[in-house]
PDB file of N, CA and C in Angstrom:
ATOM      1  N   MET A   1       1.511   9.278 -45.192  1.00  0.00           N
ATOM      2  CA  MET A   1       1.853   8.804 -43.697  1.00  0.00           C
ATOM      3  C   MET A   1       1.182   7.879 -43.172  1.00  0.00           C
ATOM      4  N   ALA A   2       2.207   7.540 -42.258  1.00  0.00           N
ATOM      5  CA  ALA A   2       2.750   6.302 -41.208  1.00  0.00           C
ATOM      6  C   ALA A   2       1.583   7.160 -40.267  1.00  0.00           C
ATOM      7  N   ASP A   3       0.806   5.630 -39.503  1.00  0.00           N
ATOM      8  CA  ASP A   3      -0.157   5.769 -38.743  1.00  0.00           C
ATOM      9  C   ASP A   3       0.143   5.181 -37.472  1.00  0.00           C
ATOM     10  N   PHE A   4      -1.058   5.215 -36.110  1.00  0.00           N
ATOM     11  CA  PHE A   4      -0.999   4.798 -35.143  1.00  0.00           C
ATOM     12  C   PHE A   4      -2.128   4.854 -34.491  1.00  0.00           C
ATOM     13  N   THR A   5      -2.608   3.991 -33.846  1.00  0.00           N
ATOM     14  CA  THR A   5      -3.927   4.503 -32.586  1.00  0.00           C
ATOM     15  C   THR A   5      -2.928   4.450 -31.247  1.00  0.00           C
ATOM     16  N   LEU A   6      -3.532   5.363 -30.440  1.00  0.00           N
ATOM     17  CA  LEU A   6      -2.791   4.877 -29.001  1.00  0.00           C
ATOM     18  C   LEU A   6      -4.840   4.889 -28.394  1.00  0.00           C
ATOM     19  N   GLU A   7      -4.782   3.959 -27.968  1.00  0.00           N
ATOM     20  CA  GLU A   7      -6.511   3.381 -27.085  1.00  0.00           C
ATOM     21  C   GLU A   7      -6.119   3.535 -25.634  1.00  0.00           C
ATOM     22  N   ASP A   8      -7.131   4.172 -25.398  1.00  0.00           N
ATOM     23  CA  ASP A   8      -6.891   4.448 -23.624  1.00  0.00           C
ATOM     24  C   ASP A   8      -8.133   3.580 -23.077  1.00  0.00           C
ATOM     25  N   LEU A   9      -7.604   2.057 -22.239  1.00  0.00           N
ATOM     26  CA  LEU A   9      -8.314   0.714 -22.503  1.00  0.00           C
ATOM     27  C   LEU A   9      -9.114   1.190 -20.544  1.00  0.00           C
ATOM     28  N   GLY A  10      -8.590   2.310 -20.183  1.00  0.00           N
ATOM     29  CA  GLY A  10      -9.054   2.403 -18.758  1.00  0.00           C
ATOM     30  C   GLY A  10      -7.973   2.180 -17.637  1.00  0.00           C
ATOM     31  N   ASP A  11      -8.423   2.833 -16.283  1.00  0.00           N
ATOM     32  CA  ASP A  11      -7.368   2.587 -15.254  1.00  0.00           C
ATOM     33  C   ASP A  11      -5.808   2.152 -15.317  1.00  0.00           C
ATOM     34  N   GLY A  12      -5.406   3.083 -16.480  1.00  0.00           N
ATOM     35  CA  GLY A  12      -3.956   3.229 -16.819  1.00  0.00           C
ATOM     36  C   GLY A  12      -3.630   2.382 -18.018  1.00  0.00           C
ATOM     37  N   HIS A  13      -4.462   1.099 -18.570  1.00  0.00           N
ATOM     38  CA  HIS A  13      -4.031   0.713 -19.676  1.00  0.00           C
ATOM     39  C   HIS A  13      -4.198   1.418 -21.361  1.00  0.00           C
ATOM     40  N   PHE A  14      -3.001   1.003 -21.876  1.00  0.00           N
ATOM     41  CA  PHE A  14      -3.596   1.737 -22.935  1.00  0.00           C
ATOM     42  C   PHE A  14      -2.963   0.741 -24.283  1.00  0.00           C
ATOM     43  N   ALA A  15      -3.435   0.765 -25.159  1.00  0.00           N
ATOM     44  CA  ALA A  15      -2.938  -0.286 -26.251  1.00  0.00           C
ATOM     45  C   ALA A  15      -2.603   0.652 -27.554  1.00  0.00           C
ATOM     46  N   LEU A  16      -1.224   0.281 -27.873  1.00  0.00           N
ATOM     47  CA  LEU A  16      -0.462   1.264 -29.003  1.00  0.00           C
ATOM     48  C   LEU A  16      -0.875   0.126 -30.225  1.00  0.00           C
ATOM     49  N   ALA A  17      -1.400   0.615 -31.490  1.00  0.00           N
ATOM     50  CA  ALA A  17      -0.956   0.087 -32.566  1.00  0.00           C
ATOM     51  C   ALA A  17      -0.092   0.757 -33.815  1.00  0.00           C
ATOM     52  N   GLY A  18      -0.453  -0.202 -34.919  1.00  0.00           N
ATOM     53  CA  GLY A  18       0.264   0.747 -35.915  1.00  0.00           C
ATOM     54  C   GLY A  18       1.730   0.946 -35.926  1.00  0.00           C
ATOM     55  N   GLU A  19       2.152   1.872 -36.593  1.00  0.00           N
ATOM     56  CA  GLU A  19       3.981   2.247 -36.791  1.00  0.00           C
ATOM     57  C   GLU A  19       4.416   2.312 -35.132  1.00  0.00           C
ATOM     58  N   MET A  20       5.316   2.232 -34.999  1.00  0.00           N
ATOM     59  CA  MET A  20       5.795   2.622 -33.956  1.00  0.00           C
ATOM     60  C   MET A  20       7.083   3.432 -34.818  1.00  0.00           C
ATOM     61  N   SER A  21       7.725   4.142 -35.164  1.00  0.00           N
ATOM     62  CA  SER A  21       8.669   4.447 -36.085  1.00  0.00           C
ATOM     63  C   SER A  21       9.234   5.735 -35.848  1.00  0.00           C
ATOM     64  N   PHE A  22      10.366   6.087 -36.977  1.00  0.00           N
ATOM     65  CA  PHE A  22      10.741   7.760 -37.286  1.00  0.00           C
ATOM     66  C   PHE A  22       9.499   8.706 -37.361  1.00  0.00           C
ATOM     67  N   GLU A  23       8.494   7.874 -38.360  1.00  0.00           N
ATOM     68  CA  GLU A  23       7.701   8.573 -38.702  1.00  0.00           C
ATOM     69  C   GLU A  23       6.640   9.070 -37.773  1.00  0.00           C
ATOM     70  N   THR A  24       6.426   8.206 -36.643  1.00  0.00           N
ATOM     71  CA  THR A  24       5.206   8.447 -35.937  1.00  0.00           C
ATOM     72  C   THR A  24       5.632   8.848 -34.141  1.00  0.00           C
ATOM     73  N   ALA A  25       6.519   8.352 -34.251  1.00  0.00           N
ATOM     74  CA  ALA A  25       7.414   8.396 -32.277  1.00  0.00           C
ATOM     75  C   ALA A  25       7.095   9.893 -31.580  1.00  0.00           C
ATOM     76  N   GLU A  26       7.463  10.942 -32.448  1.00  0.00           N
ATOM     77  CA  GLU A  26       7.514  12.117 -31.969  1.00  0.00           C
ATOM     78  C   GLU A  26       5.430  12.723 -31.726  1.00  0.00           C
ATOM     79  N   ARG A  27       5.144  12.013 -32.520  1.00  0.00           N
ATOM     80  CA  ARG A  27       3.339  12.254 -32.440  1.00  0.00           C
ATOM     81  C   ARG A  27       2.670  11.283 -31.899  1.00  0.00           C
ATOM     82  N   ILE A  28       3.326  10.108 -31.472  1.00  0.00           N
ATOM     83  CA  ILE A  28       2.962   8.959 -30.363  1.00  0.00           C
ATOM     84  C   ILE A  28       3.487   9.833 -29.163  1.00  0.00           C
ATOM     85  N   LEU A  29       4.139  10.363 -28.669  1.00  0.00           N
ATOM     86  CA  LEU A  29       5.168  10.861 -27.576  1.00  0.00           C
ATOM     87  C   LEU A  29       3.506  12.453 -27.373  1.00  0.00           C
ATOM     88  N   GLN A  30       3.777  13.028 -28.129  1.00  0.00           N
ATOM     89  CA  GLN A  30       2.697  14.046 -28.018  1.00  0.00           C
ATOM     90  C   GLN A  30       1.144  13.756 -27.683  1.00  0.00           C
ATOM     91  N   VAL A  31       0.544  12.601 -28.304  1.00  0.00           N
ATOM     92  CA  VAL A  31      -0.602  12.207 -27.912  1.00  0.00           C
ATOM     93  C   VAL A  31      -0.937  11.616 -26.551  1.00  0.00           C
ATOM     94  N   SER A  32       0.225  11.015 -26.058  1.00  0.00           N
ATOM     95  CA  SER A  32       0.560  10.351 -25.169  1.00  0.00           C
ATOM     96  C   SER A  32       0.324  11.336 -23.766  1.00  0.00           C
ATOM     97  N   GLU A  33       0.625  12.279 -24.317  1.00  0.00           N
ATOM     98  CA  GLU A  33       1.084  13.370 -22.798  1.00  0.00           C
ATOM     99  C   GLU A  33       0.122  13.427 -21.578  1.00  0.00           C
ATOM    100  N   ARG A  34      -1.034  13.910 -22.377  1.00  0.00           N
ATOM    101  CA  ARG A  34      -2.177  14.467 -21.512  1.00  0.00           C
ATOM    102  C   ARG A  34      -3.180  13.298 -20.527  1.00  0.00           C
ATOM    103  N   PRO A  35      -2.965  12.086 -21.650  1.00  0.00           N
ATOM    104  CA  PRO A  35      -3.618  10.588 -20.974  1.00  0.00           C
ATOM    105  C   PRO A  35      -3.120  10.280 -20.267  1.00  0.00           C
ATOM    106  N   PHE A  36      -1.549  10.328 -20.186  1.00  0.00           N
ATOM    107  CA  PHE A  36      -0.626   9.219 -19.604  1.00  0.00           C
ATOM    108  C   PHE A  36      -0.430  10.136 -18.066  1.00  0.00           C
ATOM    109  N   GLU A  37      -0.613  11.551 -18.088  1.00  0.00           N
ATOM    110  CA  GLU A  37      -0.204  12.080 -16.808  1.00  0.00           C
ATOM    111  C   GLU A  37      -1.509  12.127 -15.625  1.00  0.00           C
ATOM    112  N   GLU A  38      -2.459  11.269 -16.042  1.00  0.00           N
ATOM    113  CA  GLU A  38      -3.790  11.297 -15.430  1.00  0.00           C
ATOM    114  C   GLU A  38      -3.409   9.821 -14.341  1.00  0.00           C
ATOM    115  N   HIS A  39      -2.391   9.410 -14.986  1.00  0.00           N
ATOM    116  CA  HIS A  39      -2.585   7.847 -13.869  1.00  0.00           C
ATOM    117  C   HIS A  39      -0.795   7.500 -13.200  1.00  0.00           C
ATOM    118  N   THR A  40      -0.987   7.410 -11.897  1.00  0.00           N
ATOM    119  CA  THR A  40       0.254   6.650 -11.503  1.00  0.00           C
ATOM    120  C   THR A  40       0.833   5.660 -12.013  1.00  0.00           C
ATOM    121  N   ARG A  41       0.357   4.684 -12.426  1.00  0.00           N
ATOM    122  CA  ARG A  41       0.802   3.349 -12.881  1.00  0.00           C
ATOM    123  C   ARG A  41       0.354   3.180 -14.523  1.00  0.00           C
ATOM    124  N   LEU A  42       1.159   3.089 -15.137  1.00  0.00           N
ATOM    125  CA  LEU A  42       0.417   2.336 -16.726  1.00  0.00           C
ATOM    126  C   LEU A  42       1.199   1.107 -16.579  1.00  0.00           C
ATOM    127  N   GLU A  43       0.481   0.643 -18.128  1.00  0.00           N
ATOM    128  CA  GLU A  43       0.813  -0.512 -19.103  1.00  0.00           C
ATOM    129  C   GLU A  43       0.377   0.045 -20.019  1.00  0.00           C
ATOM    130  N   VAL A  44       1.240  -0.637 -20.869  1.00  0.00           N
ATOM    131  CA  VAL A  44       1.008  -0.245 -22.715  1.00  0.00           C
ATOM    132  C   VAL A  44       1.061  -1.356 -23.407  1.00  0.00           C
ATOM    133  N   ASP A  45       0.160  -1.931 -24.155  1.00  0.00           N
ATOM    134  CA  ASP A  45       0.504  -2.689 -24.906  1.00  0.00           C
ATOM    135  C   ASP A  45       0.931  -2.723 -26.061  1.00  0.00           C
ATOM    136  N   LEU A  46       1.491  -3.106 -26.502  1.00  0.00           N
ATOM    137  CA  LEU A  46       2.318  -2.958 -27.930  1.00  0.00           C
ATOM    138  C   LEU A  46       2.131  -4.248 -28.856  1.00  0.00           C
ATOM    139  N   SER A  47       1.208  -4.998 -28.445  1.00  0.00           N
ATOM    140  CA  SER A  47       0.964  -6.204 -29.345  1.00  0.00           C
ATOM    141  C   SER A  47       0.382  -6.123 -30.647  1.00  0.00           C
ATOM    142  N   GLY A  48      -0.412  -4.228 -30.622  1.00  0.00           N
ATOM    143  CA  GLY A  48      -0.771  -4.148 -32.104  1.00  0.00           C
ATOM    144  C   GLY A  48       0.199  -3.330 -32.683  1.00  0.00           C
ATOM    145  N   VAL A  49       1.443  -3.186 -32.528  1.00  0.00           N
ATOM    146  CA  VAL A  49       2.406  -2.234 -33.000  1.00  0.00           C
ATOM    147  C   VAL A  49       2.512  -3.467 -34.587  1.00  0.00           C
ATOM    148  N   THR A  50       2.299  -2.643 -35.809  1.00  0.00           N
ATOM    149  CA  THR A  50       3.070  -3.372 -37.085  1.00  0.00           C
ATOM    150  C   THR A  50       4.375  -3.511 -37.677  1.00  0.00           C
ATOM    151  N   LEU A  51       5.016  -1.920 -37.382  1.00  0.00           N
ATOM    152  CA  LEU A  51       6.415  -1.822 -38.000  1.00  0.00           C
ATOM    153  C   LEU A  51       6.838  -0.908 -36.677  1.00  0.00           C
ATOM    154  N   SER A  52       8.122  -1.225 -36.567  1.00  0.00           N
ATOM    155  CA  SER A  52       8.819  -0.689 -35.459  1.00  0.00           C
ATOM    156  C   SER A  52      10.417  -0.222 -35.715  1.00  0.00           C
ATOM    157  N   ASP A  53      11.138   0.699 -35.313  1.00  0.00           N
ATOM    158  CA  ASP A  53      12.384   0.707 -35.541  1.00  0.00           C
ATOM    159  C   ASP A  53      13.322   1.437 -34.292  1.00  0.00           C
ATOM    160  N   SER A  54      14.720   1.881 -34.672  1.00  0.00           N
ATOM    161  CA  SER A  54      14.887   2.285 -33.239  1.00  0.00           C
ATOM    162  C   SER A  54      14.435   3.609 -32.799  1.00  0.00           C
ATOM    163  N   ALA A  55      13.523   4.197 -33.697  1.00  0.00           N
ATOM    164  CA  ALA A  55      12.660   5.302 -32.962  1.00  0.00           C
ATOM    165  C   ALA A  55      11.448   5.113 -32.059  1.00  0.00           C
ATOM    166  N   GLY A  56      11.154   3.590 -32.395  1.00  0.00           N
ATOM    167  CA  GLY A  56      10.274   3.227 -31.328  1.00  0.00           C
ATOM    168  C   GLY A  56      10.991   2.645 -30.101  1.00  0.00           C
ATOM    169  N   LEU A  57      12.054   2.072 -30.429  1.00  0.00           N
ATOM    170  CA  LEU A  57      12.574   2.145 -28.756  1.00  0.00           C
ATOM    171  C   LEU A  57      12.945   3.515 -27.912  1.00  0.00           C
ATOM    172  N   ALA A  58      13.227   4.341 -28.632  1.00  0.00           N
ATOM    173  CA  ALA A  58      13.476   5.266 -28.137  1.00  0.00           C
ATOM    174  C   ALA A  58      12.190   6.213 -27.751  1.00  0.00           C
ATOM    175  N   LEU A  59      11.389   5.968 -28.178  1.00  0.00           N
ATOM    176  CA  LEU A  59       9.798   6.406 -27.674  1.00  0.00           C
ATOM    177  C   LEU A  59       9.371   5.772 -26.266  1.00  0.00           C
ATOM    178  N   LEU A  60       9.734   4.610 -26.016  1.00  0.00           N
ATOM    179  CA  LEU A  60       9.402   3.371 -24.674  1.00  0.00           C
ATOM    180  C   LEU A  60      10.619   4.049 -24.067  1.00  0.00           C
ATOM    181  N   LEU A  61      11.725   4.226 -24.499  1.00  0.00           N
ATOM    182  CA  LEU A  61      12.570   4.731 -23.630  1.00  0.00           C
ATOM    183  C   LEU A  61      12.030   5.817 -22.471  1.00  0.00           C
ATOM    184  N   GLU A  62      11.989   7.030 -23.391  1.00  0.00           N
ATOM    185  CA  GLU A  62      11.247   8.289 -23.048  1.00  0.00           C
ATOM    186  C   GLU A  62      10.123   7.652 -21.904  1.00  0.00           C
ATOM    187  N   TRP A  63       9.290   7.702 -22.354  1.00  0.00           N
ATOM    188  CA  TRP A  63       8.566   6.885 -21.657  1.00  0.00           C
ATOM    189  C   TRP A  63       9.376   6.587 -20.083  1.00  0.00           C
ATOM    190  N   VAL A  64      10.223   5.743 -20.167  1.00  0.00           N
ATOM    191  CA  VAL A  64      10.284   5.287 -18.606  1.00  0.00           C
ATOM    192  C   VAL A  64      11.075   6.530 -18.071  1.00  0.00           C
ATOM    193  N   THR A  65      12.086   7.492 -18.781  1.00  0.00           N
ATOM    194  CA  THR A  65      12.548   8.391 -18.210  1.00  0.00           C
ATOM    195  C   THR A  65      11.742   9.583 -17.679  1.00  0.00           C
ATOM    196  N   TRP A  66      10.154   9.882 -18.335  1.00  0.00           N
ATOM    197  CA  TRP A  66       9.225  10.492 -17.853  1.00  0.00           C
ATOM    198  C   TRP A  66       8.500   9.738 -16.403  1.00  0.00           C
ATOM    199  N   ALA A  67       8.591   8.201 -16.561  1.00  0.00           N
ATOM    200  CA  ALA A  67       7.953   7.721 -15.552  1.00  0.00           C
ATOM    201  C   ALA A  67       8.600   7.868 -14.148  1.00  0.00           C
ATOM    202  N   ASN A  68       9.813   7.988 -14.135  1.00  0.00           N
ATOM    203  CA  ASN A  68      10.852   7.897 -13.373  1.00  0.00           C
ATOM    204  C   ASN A  68      11.057   9.183 -12.946  1.00  0.00           C
ATOM    205  N   HIS A  69      11.110  10.540 -13.944  1.00  0.00           N
ATOM    206  CA  HIS A  69      11.213  11.785 -13.114  1.00  0.00           C
ATOM    207  C   HIS A  69       9.859  11.892 -12.564  1.00  0.00           C
ATOM    208  N   THR A  70       8.760  11.470 -12.820  1.00  0.00           N
ATOM    209  CA  THR A  70       7.511  11.728 -11.838  1.00  0.00           C
ATOM    210  C   THR A  70       6.973  11.102 -11.114  1.00  0.00           C
ATOM    211  N   VAL A  71       7.514  10.001 -10.806  1.00  0.00           N
ATOM    212  CA  VAL A  71       7.383   9.281  -9.789  1.00  0.00           C
ATOM    213  C   VAL A  71       6.042   8.240 -10.022  1.00  0.00           C
ATOM    214  N   ARG A  72       6.112   7.417 -11.223  1.00  0.00           N
ATOM    215  CA  ARG A  72       5.092   7.230 -11.810  1.00  0.00           C
ATOM    216  C   ARG A  72       5.507   5.506 -12.264  1.00  0.00           C
ATOM    217  N   GLU A  73       5.025   4.758 -12.441  1.00  0.00           N
ATOM    218  CA  GLU A  73       5.021   3.551 -13.117  1.00  0.00           C
ATOM    219  C   GLU A  73       4.923   3.338 -14.372  1.00  0.00           C
ATOM    220  N   ILE A  74       5.783   2.569 -15.185  1.00  0.00           N
ATOM    221  CA  ILE A  74       5.005   1.958 -16.742  1.00  0.00           C
ATOM    222  C   ILE A  74       5.868   0.961 -17.186  1.00  0.00           C
ATOM    223  N   ARG A  75       4.971   0.041 -17.641  1.00  0.00           N
ATOM    224  CA  ARG A  75       5.262  -1.310 -18.289  1.00  0.00           C
ATOM    225  C   ARG A  75       4.829  -1.522 -19.173  1.00  0.00           C
ATOM    226  N   TYR A  76       5.520  -2.494 -20.092  1.00  0.00           N
ATOM    227  CA  TYR A  76       5.168  -3.085 -21.279  1.00  0.00           C
ATOM    228  C   TYR A  76       4.721  -4.347 -21.631  1.00  0.00           C
ATOM    229  N   SER A  77       3.810  -4.594 -22.589  1.00  0.00           N
ATOM    230  CA  SER A  77       2.968  -6.299 -22.603  1.00  0.00           C
ATOM    231  C   SER A  77       3.214  -6.164 -24.323  1.00  0.00           C
ATOM    232  N   GLY A  78       3.853  -7.075 -24.650  1.00  0.00           N
ATOM    233  CA  GLY A  78       3.497  -7.380 -26.070  1.00  0.00           C
ATOM    234  C   GLY A  78       4.908  -7.146 -26.818  1.00  0.00           C
ATOM    235  N   MET A  79       5.665  -6.560 -26.322  1.00  0.00           N
ATOM    236  CA  MET A  79       7.194  -5.929 -27.230  1.00  0.00           C
ATOM    237  C   MET A  79       7.183  -6.215 -28.118  1.00  0.00           C
ATOM    238  N   PRO A  80       7.080  -5.739 -29.003  1.00  0.00           N
ATOM    239  CA  PRO A  80       7.519  -5.988 -30.602  1.00  0.00           C
ATOM    240  C   PRO A  80       8.909  -6.881 -30.855  1.00  0.00           C
ATOM    241  N   ASP A  81       9.423  -7.768 -31.380  1.00  0.00           N
ATOM    242  CA  ASP A  81      10.438  -8.869 -31.737  1.00  0.00           C
ATOM    243  C   ASP A  81      11.691  -7.630 -31.941  1.00  0.00           C
ATOM    244  N   ARG A  82      11.163  -6.451 -33.135  1.00  0.00           N
ATOM    245  CA  ARG A  82      12.707  -5.712 -33.796  1.00  0.00           C
ATOM    246  C   ARG A  82      12.777  -4.700 -32.493  1.00  0.00           C
ATOM    247  N   VAL A  83      12.022  -4.631 -31.970  1.00  0.00           N
ATOM    248  CA  VAL A  83      12.291  -3.498 -30.604  1.00  0.00           C
ATOM    249  C   VAL A  83      13.193  -4.001 -29.624  1.00  0.00           C
ATOM    250  N   LEU A  84      12.720  -5.292 -29.401  1.00  0.00           N
ATOM    251  CA  LEU A  84      13.309  -5.841 -28.349  1.00  0.00           C
ATOM    252  C   LEU A  84      14.738  -6.342 -29.180  1.00  0.00           C
ATOM    253  N   ALA A  85      14.743  -6.899 -30.321  1.00  0.00           N
ATOM    254  CA  ALA A  85      16.356  -6.939 -30.688  1.00  0.00           C
ATOM    255  C   ALA A  85      17.104  -5.633 -30.869  1.00  0.00           C
ATOM    256  N   ILE A  86      16.972  -4.473 -31.228  1.00  0.00           N
ATOM    257  CA  ILE A  86      17.333  -3.539 -31.486  1.00  0.00           C
ATOM    258  C   ILE A  86      17.726  -3.472 -29.695  1.00  0.00           C
ATOM    259  N   ALA A  87      17.490  -2.957 -28.771  1.00  0.00           N
ATOM    260  CA  ALA A  87      17.486  -3.013 -27.346  1.00  0.00           C
ATOM    261  C   ALA A  87      18.586  -3.795 -26.938  1.00  0.00           C
ATOM    262  N   LYS A  88      18.239  -5.012 -27.370  1.00  0.00           N
ATOM    263  CA  LYS A  88      19.560  -6.268 -26.639  1.00  0.00           C
ATOM    264  C   LYS A  88      20.781  -5.571 -27.409  1.00  0.00           C
ATOM    265  N   THR A  89      20.586  -5.484 -29.124  1.00  0.00           N
ATOM    266  CA  THR A  89      22.054  -5.300 -29.670  1.00  0.00           C
ATOM    267  C   THR A  89      22.637  -3.997 -29.161  1.00  0.00           C
ATOM    268  N   THR A  90      21.912  -2.954 -28.597  1.00  0.00           N
ATOM    269  CA  THR A  90      22.294  -1.983 -27.738  1.00  0.00           C
ATOM    270  C   THR A  90      22.669  -1.759 -26.387  1.00  0.00           C
ATOM    271  N   GLU A  91      22.112  -2.979 -26.152  1.00  0.00           N
ATOM    272  CA  GLU A  91      22.584  -2.979 -24.443  1.00  0.00           C
ATOM    273  C   GLU A  91      22.129  -2.097 -23.408  1.00  0.00           C
ATOM    274  N   VAL A  92      20.413  -1.738 -24.041  1.00  0.00           N
ATOM    275  CA  VAL A  92      19.139  -0.907 -23.664  1.00  0.00           C
ATOM    276  C   VAL A  92      18.680  -1.384 -22.973  1.00  0.00           C
ATOM    277  N   ASP A  93      18.383  -3.177 -23.262  1.00  0.00           N
ATOM    278  CA  ASP A  93      17.283  -3.706 -22.805  1.00  0.00           C
ATOM    279  C   ASP A  93      16.750  -3.561 -21.343  1.00  0.00           C
ATOM    280  N   GLY A  94      17.705  -3.753 -20.452  1.00  0.00           N
ATOM    281  CA  GLY A  94      17.221  -3.327 -19.248  1.00  0.00           C
ATOM    282  C   GLY A  94      16.900  -2.331 -18.989  1.00  0.00           C
ATOM    283  N   LEU A  95      17.230  -1.529 -19.551  1.00  0.00           N
ATOM    284  CA  LEU A  95      16.163   0.229 -19.147  1.00  0.00           C
ATOM    285  C   LEU A  95      14.698  -0.241 -19.612  1.00  0.00           C
ATOM    286  N   LEU A  96      14.309  -1.168 -20.126  1.00  0.00           N
ATOM    287  CA  LEU A  96      13.195  -1.223 -20.570  1.00  0.00           C
ATOM    288  C   LEU A  96      12.165  -1.357 -19.696  1.00  0.00           C
ATOM    289  N   THR A  97      12.896  -1.966 -18.619  1.00  0.00           N
ATOM    290  CA  THR A  97      12.000  -2.393 -17.363  1.00  0.00           C
ATOM    291  C   THR A  97      12.178  -1.782 -16.019  1.00  0.00           C
ATOM    292  N   ARG A  98      12.848  -0.327 -16.491  1.00  0.00           N
ATOM    293  CA  ARG A  98      12.990   0.526 -15.397  1.00  0.00           C
ATOM    294  C   ARG A  98      12.047   1.319 -14.466  1.00  0.00           C
ATOM    295  N   GLY A  99      11.062   1.337 -15.791  1.00  0.00           N
ATOM    296  CA  GLY A  99       9.828   2.088 -15.100  1.00  0.00           C
ATOM    297  C   GLY A  99       9.061   1.011 -14.314  1.00  0.00           C
ATOM    298  N   GLU A 100       9.269   0.221 -14.061  1.00  0.00           N
ATOM    299  CA  GLU A 100       8.666  -0.970 -13.247  1.00  0.00           C
ATOM    300  C   GLU A 100       9.481  -0.647 -11.564  1.00  0.00           C
ATOM    301  N   ARG A 101       8.322   0.015 -10.632  1.00  0.00           N
ATOM    302  CA  ARG A 101       9.098   0.541  -9.465  1.00  0.00           C
ATOM    303  C   ARG A 101       8.670  -0.495  -8.370  1.00  0.00           C
ATOM    304  N   TRP A 102       6.979  -0.367  -8.762  1.00  0.00           N
ATOM    305  CA  TRP A 102       6.614  -1.091  -6.996  1.00  0.00           C
ATOM    306  C   TRP A 102       6.213  -2.483  -7.476  1.00  0.00           C
ATOM    307  N   ALA A 103       6.728  -3.400  -6.615  1.00  0.00           N
ATOM    308  CA  ALA A 103       6.621  -4.676  -6.622  1.00  0.00           C
ATOM    309  C   ALA A 103       4.720  -5.015  -6.743  1.00  0.00           C
ATOM    310  N   GLY A 104       4.022  -4.438  -5.768  1.00  0.00           N
ATOM    311  CA  GLY A 104       2.412  -4.554  -5.762  1.00  0.00           C
ATOM    312  C   GLY A 104       1.915  -4.304  -7.132  1.00  0.00           C
ATOM    313  N   PHE A 105       2.720  -4.250  -8.068  1.00  0.00           N
ATOM    314  CA  PHE A 105       1.862  -3.499  -9.653  1.00  0.00           C
ATOM    315  C   PHE A 105       1.524  -4.993 -10.407  1.00  0.00           C
ATOM    316  N   ILE A 106       3.240  -5.665 -10.136  1.00  0.00           N
ATOM    317  CA  ILE A 106       3.271  -7.366 -10.511  1.00  0.00           C
ATOM    318  C   ILE A 106       1.991  -7.562  -9.802  1.00  0.00           C
ATOM    319  N   GLU A 107       0.800  -8.629 -10.839  1.00  0.00           N
ATOM    320  CA  GLU A 107      -0.611  -9.583 -10.573  1.00  0.00           C
ATOM    321  C   GLU A 107       0.415 -10.398  -9.714  1.00  0.00           C
ATOM    322  N   SER A 108      -0.306 -10.861  -8.493  1.00  0.00           N
ATOM    323  CA  SER A 108       0.003 -12.048  -7.806  1.00  0.00           C
ATOM    324  C   SER A 108      -0.673 -13.309  -8.312  1.00  0.00           C
ATOM    325  N   PRO A 109       0.021 -14.398  -8.598  1.00  0.00           N
ATOM    326  CA  PRO A 109      -0.666 -15.591  -8.659  1.00  0.00           C
ATOM    327  C   PRO A 109      -1.990 -15.691  -8.254  1.00  0.00           C
ATOM    328  N   GLU A 110      -2.986 -16.325  -8.373  1.00  0.00           N
ATOM    329  CA  GLU A 110      -3.913 -16.958  -7.705  1.00  0.00           C
ATOM    330  C   GLU A 110      -3.603 -17.882  -6.447  1.00  0.00           C
ATOM    331  N   PRO A 111      -4.243 -17.850  -5.519  1.00  0.00           N
ATOM    332  CA  PRO A 111      -4.214 -18.466  -4.394  1.00  0.00           C
ATOM    333  C   PRO A 111      -4.475 -20.320  -4.856  1.00  0.00           C
ATOM    334  N   PRO A 112      -3.860 -20.919  -4.373  1.00  0.00           N
ATOM    335  CA  PRO A 112      -4.734 -22.465  -4.528  1.00  0.00           C
ATOM    336  C   PRO A 112      -5.233 -22.539  -4.078  1.00  0.00           C
TER     337      PRO A 112
END
């Protein structure tokens, strides 16, 4: 069975590692529900994802849809190349940033 971990790093920051695929996407979604609901702003680090496919992309888009419907913000870092390639090929890459609502969430550069 394919495996993954979703680690709560605190303050709405999460790290997903392992497989984000047809075998795991539904389980990842279920595991994320309760911890995600505790935050209005989320960041998910995907740099630990070792295998991904179109189901992984669907999972990310589902999280964006959930965030938009519940007035939350979600953004991703460390996007797997495979997911980004599938998103570009299917012309949904712009949707991956639709969960980034508030400009204040983006870190400001340090003052000179």
